[in-house]
Amino acid sequence: MIKVANLILLIILSPMVLAKHHIHYRISSVGNLVYQLDCITQPAIFPCSSADFSSLWTSELAPNEKDKIMLERWHTLRKRFDKTVEYVNPPKLELLTSPNFPMNSSNGINILNQVRIMAFTSEDIDHYISQLRLWLPINDVIEEQQIINHFWPRFESWFTQQQLTLNQFVIDAKKLSEEHDIDGLLTAMQTFYQSDLPDDLILPVYLVAHPRKVAATSGLVFNENSVVEVLNGEKASNRLAVVIHEIAHFYHERASFDILLNRMKYFFNENSEVGKIGYYLFNEAMATAIGNGLLEQRMRSPEQFKKYQQHPLSFYSDEGIDQAAKTALRLVSEQINNKRPIDIQFLAALDESWAKGLHKIKNRPQQLLRHMGLIITEESYIELINELMGTIRPSMAQFNTPNGDNTEEQSVTKQYPMMDTIILAKDWNQIKVIDIPEFDNSKSNNETGVFVHKTSAGVYYVFIVTPDKPTVLKHVKEMLEWPDFDAGHALKT
């Protein structure tokens, strides 16, 4: 009877013991080509090494006179896929600023992201095309296949060489995962973020071959799927932190709306010492502290980690995120190692720590515009959006344009009342139709340049008024150098 009882107990406990989250590395030549084409053409803006991939096709991969036409066709085709299908309508929320998480992360899918991931799951072109036929109109499928076939012969030869190093990368990454108990870390991360996820989950990580040996790289996450660029010949030990960083974003997004909104409210409360910049940095800083901080600390000797930590921008190639992650590392490590969630005590300690650690940069325009509103009143200025985003580099941006939905309810000034906003105009008459809090349009002047309007709630509206389109970017670059918005030109009303 004892043996039978033990057997029954083992059967009952086995699912609990085996339940875990586990990383599965995958390499797909088709996925790599599709990623490169999306990265170069940007049918929807996403961070990637576009300059490096563009350089690859204009030099090493024997440029073809038809390449430009094919890339334009790709852009037009894929732009049509940038639509979101919601299976469940998200609750109607009153937000102080744009959310630090995708609103549809649990409730729907973006078609463009979905077909990009489908490419990574495909064994070859035929497999990819057969999957596309289930999702897209037949003419779009044929169009995509024609473009892929144009680039494929040159790409396949190049990628075959890259795959050897990627294969070794996977072998090394699996060894490191066992040595440093990555599965255990994932379990602790799920608790930390309070992620609403099943106990058993495979987390695919798709590897993208980067053409250079040394360069800045990018990664992105779509649901449980992570896509990570790997430098030519890079060791897994140098990239594992980025993998964990991207998975951390996924866990963050999968907390409930109530939990995510409470984190927003905490930093927008008047009692928060660091203020809204704490919320803007929260998602990236937590992921960086875990991946580029805690995990790196596990993998390095104390002496190596100390040098690494003291080096500027060693955690992240952005001053605000780098400083926020380094300042938060001790608190995050304690919470993760003790398998505790983000709670009010953690947020209070983090707020206090950031108020001291980020005091020199927290009021700079570059930091406050991490979440930004952009109202464009002059139609010819719409084409500046990509350059503006590349210059300011916000993590979130909300737009109103002359050809968009500009109803009063859709105005960024109404939807996100605590978000600092840039307003581009050719003259002051274009601004008079906008309802800007506490701003008397009738008293605006006829000058051109950069002007700052601050509300009693501490929200900044930056007017860039010029009839000269190239001057817009010049003014934006100058503004980003200010120590704070109050150092700018006050608008006399």
Protein backbone atom coordinates (compact mmCIF):
# COMPACT_ATOMS: atom_id res chain seq x y z
CA MET A 1 0.00 0.00 0.00
CA ILE A 2 2.83 2.39 0.75
CA LYS A 3 4.32 1.91 -2.69
CA VAL A 4 0.95 2.49 -4.36
CA ALA A 5 0.40 5.64 -2.28
CA ASN A 6 3.81 6.98 -3.24
CA LEU A 7 3.08 6.27 -6.90
CA ILE A 8 -0.22 8.14 -6.72
CA LEU A 9 1.50 11.05 -4.96
CA LEU A 10 4.17 11.15 -7.68
CA ILE A 11 1.52 11.25 -10.41
CA ILE A 12 -0.33 14.05 -8.66
CA LEU A 13 2.81 16.14 -8.13
CA SER A 14 4.46 15.57 -11.50
CA PRO A 15 2.56 18.27 -13.45
CA MET A 16 3.42 20.81 -10.76
CA VAL A 17 7.10 19.89 -10.84
CA LEU A 18 7.32 19.85 -14.63
CA ALA A 19 5.30 23.02 -15.22
CA LYS A 20 7.66 25.70 -16.46
CA HIS A 21 8.40 28.30 -19.07
CA HIS A 22 11.12 27.30 -21.47
CA ILE A 23 13.01 29.09 -24.28
CA HIS A 24 13.15 27.44 -27.70
CA TYR A 25 15.67 28.97 -30.12
CA ARG A 26 14.73 28.85 -33.81
CA ILE A 27 16.49 29.78 -37.05
CA SER A 28 14.63 30.39 -40.32
CA SER A 29 16.14 31.63 -43.56
CA VAL A 30 12.71 32.77 -44.82
CA GLY A 31 12.06 34.59 -41.57
CA ASN A 32 15.39 36.36 -41.85
CA LEU A 33 14.69 37.59 -45.39
CA VAL A 34 11.18 38.78 -44.52
CA TYR A 35 12.56 40.55 -41.44
CA GLN A 36 15.22 42.31 -43.52
CA LEU A 37 12.70 43.47 -46.12
CA ASP A 38 10.33 44.77 -43.44
CA CYS A 39 13.23 46.43 -41.64
CA ILE A 40 14.50 48.19 -44.77
CA THR A 41 11.09 49.35 -46.03
CA GLN A 42 9.38 49.99 -42.65
CA PRO A 43 5.73 49.39 -43.67
CA ALA A 44 5.11 49.97 -39.98
CA ILE A 45 7.73 51.57 -37.77
CA PHE A 46 9.61 49.07 -35.62
CA PRO A 47 13.16 49.21 -34.18
CA CYS A 48 15.71 47.28 -36.22
CA SER A 49 19.10 47.73 -37.89
CA SER A 50 17.69 49.24 -41.08
CA ALA A 51 20.87 51.11 -42.07
CA ASP A 52 23.01 47.96 -41.75
CA PHE A 53 20.61 45.77 -43.72
CA SER A 54 20.23 48.46 -46.40
CA SER A 55 24.02 48.65 -46.67
CA LEU A 56 24.18 44.86 -47.08
CA TRP A 57 21.90 44.98 -50.12
CA THR A 58 23.62 47.96 -51.72
CA SER A 59 27.09 46.47 -51.43
CA GLU A 60 27.76 42.84 -50.52
CA LEU A 61 24.66 41.29 -52.10
CA ALA A 62 25.23 42.65 -55.63
CA PRO A 63 22.54 45.33 -56.02
CA ASN A 64 20.08 44.77 -58.83
CA GLU A 65 18.49 47.56 -60.88
CA LYS A 66 15.04 46.16 -59.98
CA ASP A 67 15.71 46.14 -56.22
CA LYS A 68 14.28 49.61 -55.61
CA ILE A 69 11.06 48.81 -57.43
CA MET A 70 10.69 45.53 -55.57
CA LEU A 71 11.26 47.24 -52.19
CA GLU A 72 8.60 49.83 -53.03
CA ARG A 73 6.18 47.05 -53.94
CA TRP A 74 7.00 45.30 -50.66
CA HIS A 75 6.37 48.46 -48.66
CA THR A 76 3.00 49.05 -50.34
CA LEU A 77 1.94 45.44 -49.92
CA ARG A 78 2.99 45.00 -46.31
CA LYS A 79 1.58 48.37 -45.25
CA ARG A 80 -1.87 46.99 -46.04
CA PHE A 81 -1.27 44.23 -43.48
CA ASP A 82 -0.68 46.69 -40.64
CA LYS A 83 -4.12 46.23 -39.14
CA THR A 84 -5.17 44.97 -35.74
CA VAL A 85 -7.89 42.39 -35.24
CA GLU A 86 -9.38 42.48 -31.74
CA TYR A 87 -11.05 39.31 -30.50
CA VAL A 88 -12.12 40.96 -27.27
CA ASN A 89 -12.76 44.68 -27.00
CA PRO A 90 -10.45 46.16 -24.38
CA PRO A 91 -12.20 48.01 -21.58
CA LYS A 92 -12.81 51.71 -22.13
CA LEU A 93 -10.06 53.38 -20.15
CA GLU A 94 -9.38 56.95 -19.16
CA LEU A 95 -5.63 57.29 -19.54
CA LEU A 96 -3.38 60.07 -18.30
CA THR A 97 -0.81 59.29 -20.98
CA SER A 98 -0.36 56.67 -23.69
CA PRO A 99 -0.07 53.21 -22.10
CA ASN A 100 3.34 51.64 -21.50
CA PHE A 101 2.00 48.38 -22.93
CA PRO A 102 0.14 47.43 -26.13
CA MET A 103 -3.61 47.72 -25.57
CA ASN A 104 -4.37 44.58 -27.59
CA SER A 105 -1.60 42.34 -26.24
CA SER A 106 -4.12 39.88 -24.81
CA ASN A 107 -7.16 40.70 -26.90
CA GLY A 108 -6.09 40.49 -30.54
CA ILE A 109 -3.33 40.40 -33.11
CA ASN A 110 -1.65 42.69 -35.58
CA ILE A 111 -1.75 41.06 -39.03
CA LEU A 112 1.67 42.38 -40.10
CA ASN A 113 3.33 41.08 -36.94
CA GLN A 114 1.54 37.77 -37.31
CA VAL A 115 2.68 37.13 -40.89
CA ARG A 116 6.22 38.16 -39.96
CA ILE A 117 6.27 35.53 -37.21
CA MET A 118 4.75 33.03 -39.66
CA ALA A 119 7.83 33.52 -41.83
CA PHE A 120 10.05 32.63 -38.87
CA THR A 121 8.07 29.45 -38.21
CA SER A 122 8.40 28.35 -41.87
CA GLU A 123 10.91 25.76 -43.04
CA ASP A 124 11.16 27.14 -46.57
CA ILE A 125 9.43 29.51 -49.01
CA ASP A 126 6.77 26.97 -50.05
CA HIS A 127 5.86 26.40 -46.40
CA TYR A 128 5.59 30.14 -45.80
CA ILE A 129 3.44 30.71 -48.89
CA SER A 130 1.10 27.87 -47.89
CA GLN A 131 0.58 29.56 -44.51
CA LEU A 132 -0.02 32.95 -46.14
CA ARG A 133 -2.81 31.47 -48.25
CA LEU A 134 -4.77 30.88 -45.05
CA TRP A 135 -4.50 34.54 -44.05
CA LEU A 136 -4.27 36.76 -47.12
CA PRO A 137 -6.02 37.29 -50.46
CA ILE A 138 -4.49 35.18 -53.20
CA ASN A 139 -3.29 38.21 -55.20
CA ASP A 140 -1.38 39.50 -52.18
CA VAL A 141 0.18 36.08 -51.65
CA ILE A 142 1.34 35.94 -55.30
CA GLU A 143 2.71 39.48 -55.03
CA GLU A 144 4.73 38.63 -51.92
CA GLN A 145 6.05 35.43 -53.46
CA GLN A 146 7.27 37.30 -56.56
CA ILE A 147 9.19 39.81 -54.44
CA ILE A 148 10.72 37.10 -52.25
CA ASN A 149 11.78 35.14 -55.34
CA HIS A 150 13.52 38.25 -56.69
CA PHE A 151 15.74 38.59 -53.60
CA TRP A 152 16.06 34.94 -52.61
CA PRO A 153 19.00 33.64 -54.74
CA ARG A 154 21.38 36.34 -53.49
CA PHE A 155 20.10 36.16 -49.93
CA GLU A 156 20.25 32.35 -49.65
CA SER A 157 23.94 32.27 -50.55
CA TRP A 158 24.74 34.89 -47.89
CA PHE A 159 22.53 33.35 -45.19
CA THR A 160 23.99 29.86 -45.64
CA GLN A 161 27.29 31.23 -44.32
CA GLN A 162 25.60 33.01 -41.42
CA GLN A 163 23.67 29.93 -40.36
CA LEU A 164 26.80 28.10 -39.24
CA THR A 165 27.48 30.69 -36.55
CA LEU A 166 23.79 30.86 -35.58
CA ASN A 167 23.75 27.07 -35.07
CA GLN A 168 26.72 27.33 -32.72
CA PHE A 169 25.00 30.22 -30.96
CA VAL A 170 22.00 27.97 -30.20
CA ILE A 171 24.21 25.19 -28.81
CA ASP A 172 26.03 27.62 -26.52
CA ALA A 173 22.80 29.34 -25.44
CA LYS A 174 21.26 26.04 -24.33
CA LYS A 175 24.33 25.28 -22.21
CA LEU A 176 24.21 28.71 -20.57
CA SER A 177 20.49 28.30 -19.87
CA GLU A 178 21.18 25.11 -17.94
CA GLU A 179 24.17 26.55 -16.07
CA HIS A 180 22.27 29.64 -14.91
CA ASP A 181 18.82 28.08 -14.44
CA ILE A 182 17.07 30.30 -16.96
CA ASP A 183 13.84 28.33 -16.55
CA GLY A 184 13.90 29.20 -12.85
CA LEU A 185 14.53 32.85 -13.68
CA LEU A 186 11.54 32.86 -16.04
CA THR A 187 9.32 31.50 -13.27
CA ALA A 188 10.47 34.27 -10.94
CA MET A 189 9.90 36.86 -13.68
CA GLN A 190 6.34 35.66 -14.19
CA THR A 191 5.70 36.18 -10.47
CA PHE A 192 7.47 39.56 -10.48
CA TYR A 193 5.32 40.95 -13.30
CA GLN A 194 2.15 39.15 -12.12
CA SER A 195 1.70 37.86 -15.66
CA ASP A 196 -1.56 36.16 -16.54
CA LEU A 197 -0.09 33.13 -18.32
CA PRO A 198 -0.29 29.33 -18.24
CA ASP A 199 2.24 27.53 -16.05
CA ASP A 200 3.61 25.61 -19.05
CA LEU A 201 4.70 27.72 -21.99
CA ILE A 202 7.24 27.50 -24.79
CA LEU A 203 8.81 30.90 -25.54
CA PRO A 204 10.15 30.91 -29.13
CA VAL A 205 13.21 33.10 -29.74
CA TYR A 206 13.86 33.68 -33.44
CA LEU A 207 17.42 34.61 -34.36
CA VAL A 208 18.19 37.23 -37.01
CA ALA A 209 21.65 37.22 -38.59
CA HIS A 210 23.13 40.72 -38.41
CA PRO A 211 25.66 41.46 -41.19
CA ARG A 212 28.18 43.24 -38.98
CA LYS A 213 30.50 42.04 -36.22
CA VAL A 214 30.15 45.25 -34.20
CA ALA A 215 27.00 47.39 -34.24
CA ALA A 216 23.99 48.48 -32.21
CA THR A 217 21.28 45.84 -32.48
CA SER A 218 17.56 45.54 -31.83
CA GLY A 219 15.02 43.04 -30.59
CA LEU A 220 11.27 42.93 -30.46
CA VAL A 221 8.51 40.88 -28.90
CA PHE A 222 5.11 39.86 -30.29
CA ASN A 223 3.02 37.91 -27.79
CA GLU A 224 5.28 35.05 -26.59
CA ASN A 225 7.53 35.36 -29.65
CA SER A 226 10.85 37.21 -29.42
CA VAL A 227 12.95 38.26 -32.41
CA VAL A 228 16.59 39.03 -31.63
CA GLU A 229 19.35 40.29 -33.94
CA VAL A 230 22.65 38.45 -33.48
CA LEU A 231 25.92 40.00 -34.62
CA ASN A 232 28.14 38.06 -37.03
CA GLY A 233 30.09 35.55 -34.90
CA GLU A 234 28.63 36.78 -31.63
CA LYS A 235 28.83 34.53 -28.58
CA ALA A 236 25.63 33.47 -26.85
CA SER A 237 26.97 34.81 -23.56
CA ASN A 238 26.92 38.31 -25.10
CA ARG A 239 23.32 38.01 -26.30
CA LEU A 240 21.47 35.99 -23.66
CA ALA A 241 20.74 39.14 -21.67
CA VAL A 242 18.94 40.62 -24.68
CA VAL A 243 16.84 37.47 -25.01
CA ILE A 244 15.74 37.70 -21.37
CA HIS A 245 15.18 41.45 -21.82
CA GLU A 246 12.70 40.84 -24.66
CA ILE A 247 10.88 38.09 -22.75
CA ALA A 248 10.57 40.49 -19.80
CA HIS A 249 8.58 42.85 -22.02
CA PHE A 250 6.19 40.00 -22.81
CA TYR A 251 5.68 39.23 -19.12
CA HIS A 252 5.10 42.92 -18.39
CA GLU A 253 2.42 43.18 -21.09
CA ARG A 254 0.58 40.12 -19.79
CA ALA A 255 -0.30 41.55 -16.40
CA SER A 256 -3.98 42.49 -16.03
CA PHE A 257 -5.20 45.94 -17.09
CA ASP A 258 -5.90 46.84 -13.46
CA ILE A 259 -2.34 46.01 -12.43
CA LEU A 260 -0.83 47.93 -15.35
CA LEU A 261 -3.03 50.96 -14.75
CA ASN A 262 -2.17 51.00 -11.05
CA ARG A 263 1.51 51.27 -11.99
CA MET A 264 0.67 54.22 -14.24
CA LYS A 265 -1.37 55.92 -11.52
CA TYR A 266 1.42 55.48 -8.98
CA PHE A 267 3.91 57.59 -10.93
CA PHE A 268 1.32 60.21 -11.93
CA ASN A 269 0.24 60.67 -8.33
CA GLU A 270 1.36 64.01 -6.89
CA ASN A 271 3.17 62.12 -4.12
CA SER A 272 5.51 60.38 -6.56
CA GLU A 273 8.98 61.86 -6.20
CA VAL A 274 10.26 60.99 -9.70
CA GLY A 275 6.95 61.67 -11.44
CA LYS A 276 5.77 60.54 -14.85
CA ILE A 277 9.28 59.90 -16.17
CA GLY A 278 9.25 56.93 -13.76
CA TYR A 279 6.30 55.46 -15.65
CA TYR A 280 7.85 56.21 -19.04
CA LEU A 281 11.04 54.38 -18.06
CA PHE A 282 9.40 51.57 -16.10
CA ASN A 283 8.91 48.95 -18.86
CA GLU A 284 12.39 49.29 -20.39
CA ALA A 285 14.16 49.83 -17.07
CA MET A 286 12.72 46.67 -15.49
CA ALA A 287 13.56 44.54 -18.55
CA THR A 288 17.07 46.01 -18.64
CA ALA A 289 17.67 45.55 -14.92
CA ILE A 290 16.67 41.88 -15.19
CA GLY A 291 18.37 40.92 -18.46
CA ASN A 292 21.31 43.29 -18.76
CA GLY A 293 21.80 43.60 -15.01
CA LEU A 294 20.78 40.63 -12.89
CA LEU A 295 21.54 37.93 -15.49
CA GLU A 296 24.85 39.51 -16.48
CA GLN A 297 25.78 39.62 -12.81
CA ARG A 298 25.13 35.87 -12.57
CA MET A 299 27.27 35.13 -15.63
CA ARG A 300 30.27 37.36 -14.77
CA SER A 301 32.80 37.38 -11.96
CA PRO A 302 32.30 40.16 -9.36
CA GLU A 303 35.29 42.06 -10.77
CA GLN A 304 34.05 41.80 -14.37
CA PHE A 305 30.54 42.87 -13.45
CA LYS A 306 31.75 45.88 -11.48
CA LYS A 307 33.69 47.19 -14.50
CA TYR A 308 30.75 46.42 -16.80
CA GLN A 309 28.29 48.23 -14.54
CA GLN A 310 30.47 51.32 -14.19
CA HIS A 311 30.91 51.74 -17.94
CA PRO A 312 28.55 54.39 -19.43
CA LEU A 313 25.61 52.95 -21.39
CA SER A 314 26.73 49.37 -20.70
CA PHE A 315 23.23 48.18 -19.75
CA TYR A 316 21.40 50.04 -22.54
CA SER A 317 22.40 52.46 -25.29
CA ASP A 318 20.15 55.21 -23.92
CA GLU A 319 21.11 57.42 -21.01
CA GLY A 320 17.73 57.43 -19.26
CA ILE A 321 17.10 53.70 -19.51
CA ASP A 322 20.70 52.85 -18.61
CA GLN A 323 20.67 54.99 -15.48
CA ALA A 324 17.18 53.88 -14.45
CA ALA A 325 18.10 50.19 -14.76
CA LYS A 326 21.37 50.56 -12.86
CA THR A 327 19.67 52.54 -10.11
CA ALA A 328 16.92 49.89 -9.84
CA LEU A 329 19.18 46.82 -10.02
CA ARG A 330 19.49 46.14 -6.30
CA LEU A 331 15.73 46.42 -5.71
CA VAL A 332 14.85 44.33 -8.76
CA SER A 333 17.38 41.63 -7.88
CA GLU A 334 16.03 41.32 -4.33
CA GLN A 335 12.46 41.06 -5.61
CA ILE A 336 13.31 38.48 -8.29
CA ASN A 337 15.58 36.38 -6.07
CA ASN A 338 12.94 36.28 -3.34
CA LYS A 339 10.22 35.48 -5.90
CA ARG A 340 8.09 38.49 -4.96
CA PRO A 341 5.79 40.52 -7.23
CA ILE A 342 5.88 44.21 -8.03
CA ASP A 343 3.86 45.62 -5.13
CA ILE A 344 3.30 49.01 -3.54
CA GLN A 345 6.35 48.63 -1.29
CA PHE A 346 8.54 47.91 -4.31
CA LEU A 347 7.14 50.89 -6.24
CA ALA A 348 7.68 53.21 -3.27
CA ALA A 349 11.30 52.10 -2.87
CA LEU A 350 11.86 52.39 -6.63
CA ASP A 351 10.32 55.86 -6.71
CA GLU A 352 12.60 57.06 -3.93
CA SER A 353 15.65 55.52 -5.59
CA TRP A 354 14.88 57.02 -9.00
CA ALA A 355 14.17 60.47 -7.57
CA LYS A 356 17.80 60.53 -6.40
CA GLY A 357 19.44 58.58 -9.22
CA LEU A 358 17.72 60.38 -12.10
CA HIS A 359 17.48 63.91 -10.70
CA LYS A 360 19.94 65.32 -13.27
CA ILE A 361 18.03 64.08 -16.31
CA LYS A 362 14.39 63.56 -15.32
CA ASN A 363 13.19 66.98 -16.51
CA ARG A 364 14.99 67.03 -19.84
CA PRO A 365 12.78 67.20 -22.96
CA GLN A 366 14.43 64.02 -24.25
CA GLN A 367 13.09 62.15 -21.20
CA LEU A 368 9.66 63.78 -20.93
CA LEU A 369 9.01 63.12 -24.61
CA ARG A 370 9.43 59.35 -24.22
CA HIS A 371 5.64 59.42 -24.33
CA MET A 372 4.70 62.26 -26.60
CA GLY A 373 1.76 63.72 -28.40
CA LEU A 374 2.27 65.11 -31.90
CA ILE A 375 -0.26 67.39 -33.56
CA ILE A 376 0.53 68.31 -37.16
CA THR A 377 -1.65 71.11 -38.53
CA GLU A 378 0.20 71.60 -41.85
CA GLU A 379 -0.39 68.76 -44.32
CA SER A 380 3.02 69.07 -45.98
CA TYR A 381 4.68 68.45 -42.60
CA ILE A 382 3.19 64.94 -42.32
CA GLU A 383 6.10 63.50 -44.31
CA LEU A 384 8.43 64.60 -41.47
CA ILE A 385 6.98 62.03 -39.04
CA ASN A 386 9.61 59.33 -39.61
CA GLU A 387 12.48 61.81 -39.26
CA LEU A 388 10.91 63.30 -36.15
CA MET A 389 10.50 59.88 -34.55
CA GLY A 390 14.09 59.01 -35.47
CA THR A 391 15.32 62.24 -33.87
CA ILE A 392 13.22 62.20 -30.67
CA ARG A 393 13.09 58.38 -30.36
CA PRO A 394 9.99 58.14 -28.14
CA SER A 395 8.88 54.79 -26.80
CA MET A 396 5.26 55.81 -27.41
CA ALA A 397 3.80 58.48 -29.68
CA GLN A 398 0.21 59.52 -30.40
CA PHE A 399 -0.55 61.53 -33.56
CA ASN A 400 -3.17 63.92 -34.90
CA THR A 401 -2.73 64.89 -38.55
CA PRO A 402 -4.83 66.94 -41.01
CA ASN A 403 -5.86 63.83 -42.94
CA GLY A 404 -6.53 61.70 -39.85
CA ASP A 405 -9.41 61.35 -37.40
CA ASN A 406 -9.33 64.72 -35.67
CA THR A 407 -12.62 64.69 -33.80
CA GLU A 408 -12.52 66.30 -30.38
CA GLU A 409 -12.69 62.87 -28.71
CA GLN A 410 -9.70 61.64 -30.74
CA SER A 411 -7.49 64.66 -29.99
CA VAL A 412 -4.36 63.73 -28.05
CA THR A 413 -5.02 66.73 -25.78
CA LYS A 414 -8.32 65.09 -24.73
CA GLN A 415 -7.29 61.43 -24.73
CA TYR A 416 -4.05 61.90 -22.80
CA PRO A 417 -4.34 65.02 -20.62
CA MET A 418 -0.96 64.56 -18.87
CA MET A 419 1.12 63.89 -21.98
CA ASP A 420 3.52 66.57 -23.22
CA THR A 421 2.78 67.40 -26.84
CA ILE A 422 4.55 68.96 -29.82
CA ILE A 423 2.42 71.00 -32.23
CA LEU A 424 3.73 71.71 -35.73
CA ALA A 425 2.24 74.60 -37.66
CA LYS A 426 3.02 76.86 -40.59
CA ASP A 427 1.46 79.85 -38.81
CA TRP A 428 -0.59 80.67 -35.72
CA ASN A 429 -3.89 80.56 -37.61
CA GLN A 430 -3.50 76.79 -37.94
CA ILE A 431 -3.16 76.49 -34.16
CA LYS A 432 -6.32 78.44 -33.37
CA VAL A 433 -8.57 75.51 -34.25
CA ILE A 434 -6.95 73.28 -31.60
CA ASP A 435 -8.39 73.14 -28.09
CA ILE A 436 -5.29 73.45 -25.91
CA PRO A 437 -5.85 73.47 -22.13
CA GLU A 438 -5.45 76.91 -20.48
CA PHE A 439 -4.28 78.49 -23.74
CA ASP A 440 -5.90 81.61 -25.13
CA ASN A 441 -5.58 81.34 -28.91
CA SER A 442 -6.85 84.86 -29.42
CA LYS A 443 -3.73 86.31 -27.83
CA SER A 444 -1.13 84.30 -29.75
CA ASN A 445 1.48 86.30 -31.62
CA ASN A 446 2.73 86.25 -35.20
CA GLU A 447 6.30 85.23 -34.45
CA THR A 448 7.92 82.03 -35.71
CA GLY A 449 10.17 79.67 -33.78
CA VAL A 450 9.77 77.41 -30.74
CA PHE A 451 7.35 78.39 -27.97
CA VAL A 452 6.43 76.57 -24.76
CA HIS A 453 3.06 76.68 -23.01
CA LYS A 454 2.85 75.08 -19.54
CA THR A 455 -0.45 74.26 -17.84
CA SER A 456 -1.12 74.46 -14.11
CA ALA A 457 -0.91 70.63 -14.04
CA GLY A 458 2.67 70.81 -15.34
CA VAL A 459 1.90 69.61 -18.88
CA TYR A 460 4.01 71.14 -21.67
CA TYR A 461 2.78 72.05 -25.15
CA VAL A 462 5.60 72.93 -27.52
CA PHE A 463 4.62 75.00 -30.55
CA ILE A 464 6.99 74.86 -33.50
CA VAL A 465 5.76 77.53 -35.86
CA THR A 466 7.59 78.01 -39.15
CA PRO A 467 6.68 78.22 -42.84
CA ASP A 468 10.00 76.53 -43.67
CA LYS A 469 9.73 72.75 -43.47
CA PRO A 470 13.49 71.97 -43.03
CA THR A 471 13.53 74.34 -40.04
CA VAL A 472 11.12 72.08 -38.14
CA LEU A 473 13.78 69.41 -37.56
CA LYS A 474 16.36 72.06 -36.70
CA HIS A 475 14.07 73.44 -33.98
CA VAL A 476 13.37 69.94 -32.61
CA LYS A 477 17.09 69.16 -32.32
CA GLU A 478 17.71 72.45 -30.52
CA MET A 479 14.81 71.79 -28.13
CA LEU A 480 16.21 68.36 -27.19
CA GLU A 481 19.39 70.09 -25.97
CA TRP A 482 17.52 72.20 -23.41
CA PRO A 483 18.10 71.19 -19.75
CA ASP A 484 14.30 71.41 -19.29
CA PHE A 485 11.27 72.89 -21.05
CA ASP A 486 11.29 75.92 -18.76
CA ALA A 487 14.63 76.91 -20.32
CA GLY A 488 12.83 77.34 -23.66
CA HIS A 489 11.09 80.40 -24.92
CA ALA A 490 8.06 81.16 -22.77
CA LEU A 491 4.99 81.98 -24.84
CA LYS A 492 3.55 85.37 -23.90
CA THR A 493 -0.23 85.31 -24.02
